[in-house]
C-alpha atoms as a PDB file:
ATOM      1  CA  MET A   1       0.000   0.000   0.000  1.00  0.00           C
ATOM      2  CA  ASP A   2       1.350   3.430  -0.931  1.00  0.00           C
ATOM      3  CA  ALA A   3       1.924   6.059   1.737  1.00  0.00           C
ATOM      4  CA  LYS A   4      -0.282   9.175   1.671  1.00  0.00           C
ATOM      5  CA  PRO A   5       1.792  12.044   3.065  1.00  0.00           C
ATOM      6  CA  PRO A   6       1.773  14.004   5.185  1.00  0.00           C
ATOM      7  CA  LEU A   7       2.325  11.220   7.704  1.00  0.00           C
ATOM      8  CA  PRO A   8       1.719  11.125  11.432  1.00  0.00           C
ATOM      9  CA  PRO A   9       2.708  12.323  13.919  1.00  0.00           C
ATOM     10  CA  PHE A  10       1.083  15.550  12.759  1.00  0.00           C
ATOM     11  CA  THR A  11       2.225  19.113  13.310  1.00  0.00           C
ATOM     12  CA  LEU A  12       0.014  22.168  12.878  1.00  0.00           C
ATOM     13  CA  GLU A  13       1.375  22.559   9.353  1.00  0.00           C
ATOM     14  CA  THR A  14       0.926  18.914   8.308  1.00  0.00           C
ATOM     15  CA  ALA A  15      -2.505  18.565   9.949  1.00  0.00           C
ATOM     16  CA  THR A  16      -3.684  21.706   8.139  1.00  0.00           C
ATOM     17  CA  GLN A  17      -2.297  20.316   4.883  1.00  0.00           C
ATOM     18  CA  LYS A  18      -4.052  16.965   5.435  1.00  0.00           C
ATOM     19  CA  VAL A  19      -7.373  18.740   6.027  1.00  0.00           C
ATOM     20  CA  ARG A  20      -7.059  20.799   2.845  1.00  0.00           C
ATOM     21  CA  MET A  21      -6.133  17.710   0.843  1.00  0.00           C
ATOM     22  CA  ALA A  22      -9.254  15.954   2.154  1.00  0.00           C
ATOM     23  CA  GLU A  23     -11.410  18.967   1.288  1.00  0.00           C
ATOM     24  CA  ASP A  24      -9.976  19.051  -2.231  1.00  0.00           C
ATOM     25  CA  ALA A  25     -10.616  15.342  -2.756  1.00  0.00           C
ATOM     26  CA  TRP A  26     -14.216  15.545  -1.514  1.00  0.00           C
ATOM     27  CA  ASN A  27     -14.888  18.611  -3.678  1.00  0.00           C
ATOM     28  CA  SER A  28     -13.862  16.530  -6.700  1.00  0.00           C
ATOM     29  CA  ARG A  29     -16.954  14.385  -6.031  1.00  0.00           C
ATOM     30  CA  ASP A  30     -14.970  11.451  -7.447  1.00  0.00           C
ATOM     31  CA  PRO A  31     -15.554   8.413  -5.196  1.00  0.00           C
ATOM     32  CA  GLY A  32     -12.688   6.528  -6.839  1.00  0.00           C
ATOM     33  CA  ARG A  33     -10.270   9.316  -5.967  1.00  0.00           C
ATOM     34  CA  VAL A  34     -11.611   9.871  -2.467  1.00  0.00           C
ATOM     35  CA  VAL A  35     -11.390   6.247  -1.319  1.00  0.00           C
ATOM     36  CA  GLN A  36      -7.674   6.049  -2.128  1.00  0.00           C
ATOM     37  CA  VAL A  37      -6.800   7.896   1.107  1.00  0.00           C
ATOM     38  CA  TYR A  38      -8.559   5.292   3.304  1.00  0.00           C
ATOM     39  CA  THR A  39      -7.255   1.918   4.441  1.00  0.00           C
ATOM     40  CA  GLU A  40      -8.735  -1.152   2.759  1.00  0.00           C
ATOM     41  CA  ASP A  41     -10.540  -1.958   6.035  1.00  0.00           C
ATOM     42  CA  THR A  42     -11.478   1.613   6.974  1.00  0.00           C
ATOM     43  CA  VAL A  43     -14.323   1.992   9.468  1.00  0.00           C
ATOM     44  CA  TRP A  44     -16.784   4.860   9.174  1.00  0.00           C
ATOM     45  CA  ARG A  45     -19.744   6.297  11.002  1.00  0.00           C
ATOM     46  CA  ASN A  46     -21.654   8.800   8.876  1.00  0.00           C
ATOM     47  CA  ARG A  47     -25.143   9.734  10.096  1.00  0.00           C
ATOM     48  CA  ALA A  48     -27.037   6.428  10.185  1.00  0.00           C
ATOM     49  CA  GLU A  49     -24.625   4.575   7.899  1.00  0.00           C
ATOM     50  CA  PHE A  50     -21.623   2.552   9.031  1.00  0.00           C
ATOM     51  CA  PRO A  51     -19.635   1.542   5.947  1.00  0.00           C
ATOM     52  CA  VAL A  52     -16.604  -0.696   6.432  1.00  0.00           C
ATOM     53  CA  GLY A  53     -13.896  -0.995   3.785  1.00  0.00           C
ATOM     54  CA  ARG A  54     -13.155   0.927   0.635  1.00  0.00           C
ATOM     55  CA  ALA A  55     -15.839  -0.800  -1.453  1.00  0.00           C
ATOM     56  CA  GLU A  56     -18.622   0.144   0.976  1.00  0.00           C
ATOM     57  CA  VAL A  57     -17.259   3.681   1.326  1.00  0.00           C
ATOM     58  CA  LYS A  58     -17.147   4.081  -2.455  1.00  0.00           C
ATOM     59  CA  ALA A  59     -20.772   2.900  -2.759  1.00  0.00           C
ATOM     60  CA  PHE A  60     -21.747   5.289   0.051  1.00  0.00           C
ATOM     61  CA  LEU A  61     -20.084   8.231  -1.734  1.00  0.00           C
ATOM     62  CA  GLU A  62     -21.731   7.341  -5.051  1.00  0.00           C
ATOM     63  CA  ARG A  63     -25.159   7.398  -3.347  1.00  0.00           C
ATOM     64  CA  LYS A  64     -24.322  10.603  -1.476  1.00  0.00           C
ATOM     65  CA  TRP A  65     -23.313  12.597  -4.540  1.00  0.00           C
ATOM     66  CA  SER A  66     -26.233  11.309  -6.601  1.00  0.00           C
ATOM     67  CA  ARG A  67     -28.550  12.941  -3.994  1.00  0.00           C
ATOM     68  CA  GLU A  68     -26.464  15.940  -2.868  1.00  0.00           C
ATOM     69  CA  LEU A  69     -26.245  17.975  -6.069  1.00  0.00           C
ATOM     70  CA  ASP A  70     -23.872  20.903  -6.733  1.00  0.00           C
ATOM     71  CA  TYR A  71     -21.972  19.967  -3.568  1.00  0.00           C
ATOM     72  CA  ARG A  72     -19.422  22.515  -2.238  1.00  0.00           C
ATOM     73  CA  LEU A  73     -17.460  21.783   0.961  1.00  0.00           C
ATOM     74  CA  ILE A  74     -15.203  23.713   3.324  1.00  0.00           C
ATOM     75  CA  LYS A  75     -13.245  21.895   6.055  1.00  0.00           C
ATOM     76  CA  GLU A  76     -11.328  23.515   8.898  1.00  0.00           C
ATOM     77  CA  LEU A  77      -8.843  22.021  11.336  1.00  0.00           C
ATOM     78  CA  TRP A  78     -10.222  21.885  14.880  1.00  0.00           C
ATOM     79  CA  ALA A  79      -7.572  19.878  16.758  1.00  0.00           C
ATOM     80  CA  PHE A  80      -4.826  17.325  16.166  1.00  0.00           C
ATOM     81  CA  GLY A  81      -2.411  15.066  17.979  1.00  0.00           C
ATOM     82  CA  ASP A  82      -0.058  12.279  16.987  1.00  0.00           C
ATOM     83  CA  HIS A  83      -2.121  10.237  14.483  1.00  0.00           C
ATOM     84  CA  ARG A  84      -5.535  11.901  14.921  1.00  0.00           C
ATOM     85  CA  ILE A  85      -7.170  14.992  13.454  1.00  0.00           C
ATOM     86  CA  ALA A  86     -10.516  16.611  14.294  1.00  0.00           C
ATOM     87  CA  VAL A  87     -12.196  18.881  11.771  1.00  0.00           C
ATOM     88  CA  ARG A  88     -15.331  20.928  11.496  1.00  0.00           C
ATOM     89  CA  PHE A  89     -16.972  21.448   8.150  1.00  0.00           C
ATOM     90  CA  ALA A  90     -19.902  22.866   6.274  1.00  0.00           C
ATOM     91  CA  TYR A  91     -21.130  22.078   2.803  1.00  0.00           C
ATOM     92  CA  GLU A  92     -23.901  23.341   0.580  1.00  0.00           C
ATOM     93  CA  TRP A  93     -25.949  21.272  -1.823  1.00  0.00           C
ATOM     94  CA  HIS A  94     -29.441  20.926  -3.233  1.00  0.00           C
ATOM     95  CA  ASP A  95     -31.747  17.998  -3.743  1.00  0.00           C
ATOM     96  CA  ASP A  96     -33.515  17.045  -6.970  1.00  0.00           C
ATOM     97  CA  SER A  97     -36.443  19.348  -6.101  1.00  0.00           C
ATOM     98  CA  GLY A  98     -34.088  22.361  -5.977  1.00  0.00           C
ATOM     99  CA  GLN A  99     -34.181  22.800  -2.178  1.00  0.00           C
ATOM    100  CA  TRP A 100     -30.803  24.032  -0.915  1.00  0.00           C
ATOM    101  CA  PHE A 101     -29.195  22.898   2.326  1.00  0.00           C
ATOM    102  CA  ARG A 102     -26.172  23.793   4.376  1.00  0.00           C
ATOM    103  CA  SER A 103     -24.868  20.770   6.251  1.00  0.00           C
ATOM    104  CA  TYR A 104     -22.717  21.343   9.321  1.00  0.00           C
ATOM    105  CA  GLY A 105     -20.589  18.746  11.019  1.00  0.00           C
ATOM    106  CA  ASN A 106     -17.566  17.470  12.841  1.00  0.00           C
ATOM    107  CA  GLU A 107     -15.283  14.598  11.957  1.00  0.00           C
ATOM    108  CA  ASN A 108     -12.745  12.654  13.962  1.00  0.00           C
ATOM    109  CA  TRP A 109     -10.045  10.986  11.889  1.00  0.00           C
ATOM    110  CA  GLU A 110      -7.496   8.340  12.835  1.00  0.00           C
ATOM    111  CA  PHE A 111      -4.559   7.516  10.547  1.00  0.00           C
ATOM    112  CA  ASN A 112      -2.168   4.601  10.252  1.00  0.00           C
ATOM    113  CA  ALA A 113       1.612   5.034   9.927  1.00  0.00           C
ATOM    114  CA  LEU A 114       1.298   5.336   6.121  1.00  0.00           C
ATOM    115  CA  GLY A 115      -1.011   8.344   6.422  1.00  0.00           C
ATOM    116  CA  LEU A 116      -4.118   6.423   5.344  1.00  0.00           C
ATOM    117  CA  MET A 117      -7.312   7.115   7.284  1.00  0.00           C
ATOM    118  CA  GLN A 118      -8.393   3.996   9.123  1.00  0.00           C
ATOM    119  CA  ARG A 119     -11.310   5.475  11.070  1.00  0.00           C
ATOM    120  CA  ARG A 120     -13.698   8.335  10.308  1.00  0.00           C
ATOM    121  CA  PHE A 121     -16.514   9.347  12.614  1.00  0.00           C
ATOM    122  CA  ALA A 122     -18.817  12.111  11.352  1.00  0.00           C
ATOM    123  CA  SER A 123     -21.724  13.908  12.994  1.00  0.00           C
ATOM    124  CA  ILE A 124     -23.767  16.028  10.584  1.00  0.00           C
ATOM    125  CA  ASN A 125     -26.818  18.305  10.716  1.00  0.00           C
ATOM    126  CA  ASP A 126     -28.675  19.667   7.704  1.00  0.00           C
ATOM    127  CA  ARG A 127     -30.316  23.081   7.553  1.00  0.00           C
ATOM    128  CA  PRO A 128     -32.589  24.058   4.665  1.00  0.00           C
ATOM    129  CA  ILE A 129     -31.554  27.421   3.175  1.00  0.00           C
ATOM    130  CA  ALA A 130     -32.818  29.657   0.403  1.00  0.00           C
ATOM    131  CA  ALA A 131     -30.701  29.726  -2.746  1.00  0.00           C
ATOM    132  CA  THR A 132     -30.080  33.416  -2.003  1.00  0.00           C
ATOM    133  CA  ASP A 133     -28.501  32.462   1.366  1.00  0.00           C
ATOM    134  CA  ARG A 134     -25.777  30.351  -0.209  1.00  0.00           C
ATOM    135  CA  LEU A 135     -22.216  31.329   0.683  1.00  0.00           C
ATOM    136  CA  PHE A 136     -20.143  28.816  -1.279  1.00  0.00           C
ATOM    137  CA  HIS A 137     -19.885  30.180  -4.821  1.00  0.00           C
ATOM    138  CA  TRP A 138     -17.084  28.677  -6.869  1.00  0.00           C
ATOM    139  CA  PRO A 139     -17.012  26.443  -9.925  1.00  0.00           C
ATOM    140  CA  ALA A 140     -17.257  22.697  -9.296  1.00  0.00           C
ATOM    141  CA  GLY A 141     -14.021  21.299  -7.904  1.00  0.00           C
ATOM    142  CA  ARG A 142     -11.361  22.708  -5.608  1.00  0.00           C
ATOM    143  CA  ARG A 143     -12.262  25.722  -3.465  1.00  0.00           C
ATOM    144  CA  PRO A 144     -10.142  28.668  -4.622  1.00  0.00           C
ATOM    145  CA  ASP A 145      -7.422  29.679  -2.151  1.00  0.00           C
ATOM    146  CA  GLU A 146      -8.856  33.200  -1.903  1.00  0.00           C
ATOM    147  CA  HIS A 147     -12.342  31.962  -0.937  1.00  0.00           C
ATOM    148  CA  ALA A 148     -13.248  32.666   2.692  1.00  0.00           C
ATOM    149  CA  SER A 149     -12.808  29.929   5.318  1.00  0.00           C
ATOM    150  CA  LEU A 150     -15.550  28.804   7.709  1.00  0.00           C
ATOM    151  CA  SER A 151     -14.207  31.132  10.404  1.00  0.00           C
ATOM    152  CA  GLU A 152     -14.056  34.058   7.984  1.00  0.00           C
ATOM    153  CA  LEU A 153     -17.667  33.361   6.950  1.00  0.00           C
ATOM    154  CA  GLY A 154     -18.769  33.255  10.583  1.00  0.00           C
ATOM    155  CA  LEU A 155     -19.798  29.621  10.315  1.00  0.00           C
END
């Protein structure tokens, strides 16, 4: 299995880098790309779903992004230590009826020595918003470096 730097133990710089790399991958909305940073036997908790292993995670992500349309995500480092990182995040999306949502959450990540995520625990809440209340306006894909962070947006 290939290493996925930066590797633990994390510093402020490497934890921040790892968070941005995760955000970039998720904003690609490419399940095949995203699952490459998880161990083969990764364990997740995401709302009411508990996928185990890359294949289940990939299927989960395919379902997620078929329902959560025009997805845009911002992650922010909350805390880190040794081989763990905690993040907070928000993302905006709409369903097939056109209703927009902003989803808020926290994730706890645990990495192996190769920098692959072996455990991911997410708690997420969805808030319906009007399209005019959206704050995440960038083309599909990576959030531009100059776009405001969660803290800068007051989220």
